Protein backbone atom coordinates (compact mmCIF):
# COMPACT_ATOMS: atom_id res chain seq x y z
CA UNK A 1 -118.04 -8.11 -137.33
CA UNK A 2 -116.68 -9.09 -134.47
CA UNK A 3 -117.92 -9.75 -131.31
CA UNK A 4 -115.66 -10.45 -128.27
CA UNK A 5 -116.69 -12.28 -124.41
CA UNK A 6 -116.85 -15.14 -122.24
CA UNK A 7 -118.68 -18.59 -123.71
CA UNK A 8 -121.40 -18.81 -120.69
CA UNK A 9 -123.43 -21.69 -121.85
CA UNK A 10 -122.87 -24.36 -124.93
CA UNK A 11 -126.52 -25.28 -125.62
CA UNK A 12 -127.58 -28.76 -127.13
CA UNK A 13 -126.46 -29.69 -130.55
CA UNK A 14 -129.55 -29.96 -133.10
CA UNK A 15 -129.62 -31.46 -136.46
CA UNK A 16 -132.16 -32.73 -139.05
CA UNK A 17 -132.61 -33.08 -143.06
CA UNK A 18 -133.66 -30.36 -145.26
CA UNK A 19 -136.35 -30.23 -148.11
CA UNK A 20 -133.60 -31.85 -150.07
CA UNK A 21 -132.25 -34.67 -147.92
CA UNK A 22 -129.08 -32.85 -147.19
CA UNK A 23 -128.46 -33.57 -143.07
CA UNK A 24 -127.82 -30.11 -141.50
CA UNK A 25 -126.12 -29.58 -137.65
CA UNK A 26 -126.39 -26.41 -135.63
CA UNK A 27 -124.58 -26.14 -132.25
CA UNK A 28 -125.75 -22.67 -130.25
CA UNK A 29 -123.60 -20.73 -127.94
CA UNK A 30 -124.40 -17.84 -125.16
CA UNK A 31 -121.67 -15.39 -125.34
CA UNK A 32 -121.56 -12.48 -122.70
CA UNK A 33 -119.54 -9.87 -123.79
CA UNK A 34 -117.53 -7.51 -121.39
CA UNK A 35 -118.14 -4.16 -120.03
CA UNK A 36 -120.05 -2.11 -117.47
CA UNK A 37 -123.52 -3.73 -118.75
CA UNK A 38 -122.51 -6.62 -119.93
CA UNK A 39 -124.57 -8.37 -122.77
CA UNK A 40 -125.38 -11.62 -123.92
CA UNK A 41 -125.83 -13.04 -127.16
CA UNK A 42 -126.86 -16.45 -128.45
CA UNK A 43 -124.57 -17.30 -131.33
CA UNK A 44 -125.07 -20.09 -133.98
CA UNK A 45 -122.53 -23.01 -135.73
CA UNK A 46 -123.48 -24.63 -138.20
CA UNK A 47 -121.80 -28.04 -139.84
CA UNK A 48 -118.67 -29.12 -139.43
CA UNK A 49 -117.42 -25.73 -138.01
CA UNK A 50 -118.71 -27.04 -134.54
CA UNK A 51 -116.24 -29.88 -134.68
CA UNK A 52 -113.88 -27.53 -135.94
CA UNK A 53 -114.09 -25.15 -133.52
CA UNK A 54 -115.08 -27.43 -130.27
CA UNK A 55 -115.86 -24.21 -127.71
CA UNK A 56 -116.51 -25.07 -124.39
CA UNK A 57 -118.30 -23.02 -121.58
CA UNK A 58 -115.93 -20.61 -119.87
CA UNK A 59 -113.48 -19.89 -122.60
CA UNK A 60 -112.67 -16.27 -123.65
CA UNK A 61 -113.27 -15.72 -127.34
CA UNK A 62 -113.54 -13.46 -130.23
CA UNK A 63 -115.69 -14.75 -133.14
CA UNK A 64 -116.05 -13.15 -136.29
CA UNK A 65 -119.96 -13.28 -137.22
CA UNK A 66 -122.48 -12.24 -139.70
CA UNK A 67 -126.05 -11.43 -138.37
CA UNK A 68 -128.64 -12.62 -141.07
CA UNK A 69 -132.61 -11.90 -140.58
CA UNK A 70 -135.77 -13.63 -142.18
CA UNK A 71 -139.12 -13.35 -142.63
CA UNK A 72 -141.95 -16.06 -141.88
CA UNK A 73 -145.28 -15.65 -141.24
CA UNK A 74 -145.42 -11.77 -140.51
CA UNK A 75 -142.55 -12.56 -138.22
CA UNK A 76 -139.02 -11.47 -138.07
CA UNK A 77 -136.32 -13.62 -136.80
CA UNK A 78 -132.68 -12.92 -136.49
CA UNK A 79 -129.49 -15.36 -135.97
CA UNK A 80 -125.86 -14.48 -135.18
CA UNK A 81 -123.55 -16.81 -137.18
CA UNK A 82 -120.15 -17.08 -136.02
CA UNK A 83 -117.94 -18.13 -139.19
CA UNK A 84 -114.38 -18.09 -136.98
CA UNK A 85 -112.92 -18.43 -133.86
CA UNK A 86 -109.99 -16.55 -132.16
CA UNK A 87 -109.92 -17.87 -128.32
CA UNK A 88 -107.64 -15.71 -126.13
CA UNK A 89 -105.32 -18.13 -124.64
CA UNK A 90 -102.95 -17.57 -128.03
CA UNK A 91 -104.58 -20.04 -129.98
CA UNK A 92 -105.73 -18.12 -132.39
CA UNK A 93 -105.88 -19.07 -136.15
CA UNK A 94 -102.97 -16.71 -138.49
CA UNK A 95 -103.73 -13.60 -140.09
CA UNK A 96 -102.20 -12.68 -143.10
CA UNK A 97 -100.86 -8.93 -142.42
CA UNK A 98 -100.59 -6.50 -145.45
CA UNK A 99 -97.32 -6.83 -147.23
CA UNK A 100 -94.55 -3.68 -146.88
CA UNK A 101 -94.74 -1.74 -150.13
CA UNK A 102 -91.90 0.32 -151.36
CA UNK A 103 -92.24 4.29 -151.56
CA UNK A 104 -90.77 6.07 -154.53
CA UNK A 105 -88.95 9.14 -153.49
CA UNK A 106 -87.39 11.39 -156.52
CA UNK A 107 -84.68 13.77 -155.52
CA UNK A 108 -85.29 15.90 -158.67
CA UNK A 109 -86.40 19.24 -158.05
CA UNK A 110 -87.33 19.50 -161.47
CA UNK A 111 -90.52 17.27 -161.18
CA UNK A 112 -93.77 19.77 -160.77
CA UNK A 113 -96.99 18.93 -160.93
CA UNK A 114 -98.77 20.53 -163.83
CA UNK A 115 -101.75 21.64 -161.66
């Protein structure tokens, strides 16, 4: 899924250690979508991607996201996680395009399909 808009707020980075003792970090941003009725969406970036993406308030971006929900004590919590960022200013990541495929054209009129 993709989500486009403007980063309007950068929330403080949080971190800690998991039960297994592994360190984790999370940075959340508030993204405002364009349109007649703009929506605000809280988007999380985890781990090394925080430094890799280096998002700042005021940037126009398109985010590739995953939406995940989980249950805790009878309540459901939903998180929007970004895994790729494309900036509108031309600093987009390279996307691979589909290669051209050669088509087969037969000039013979003897080719008759059996059905």
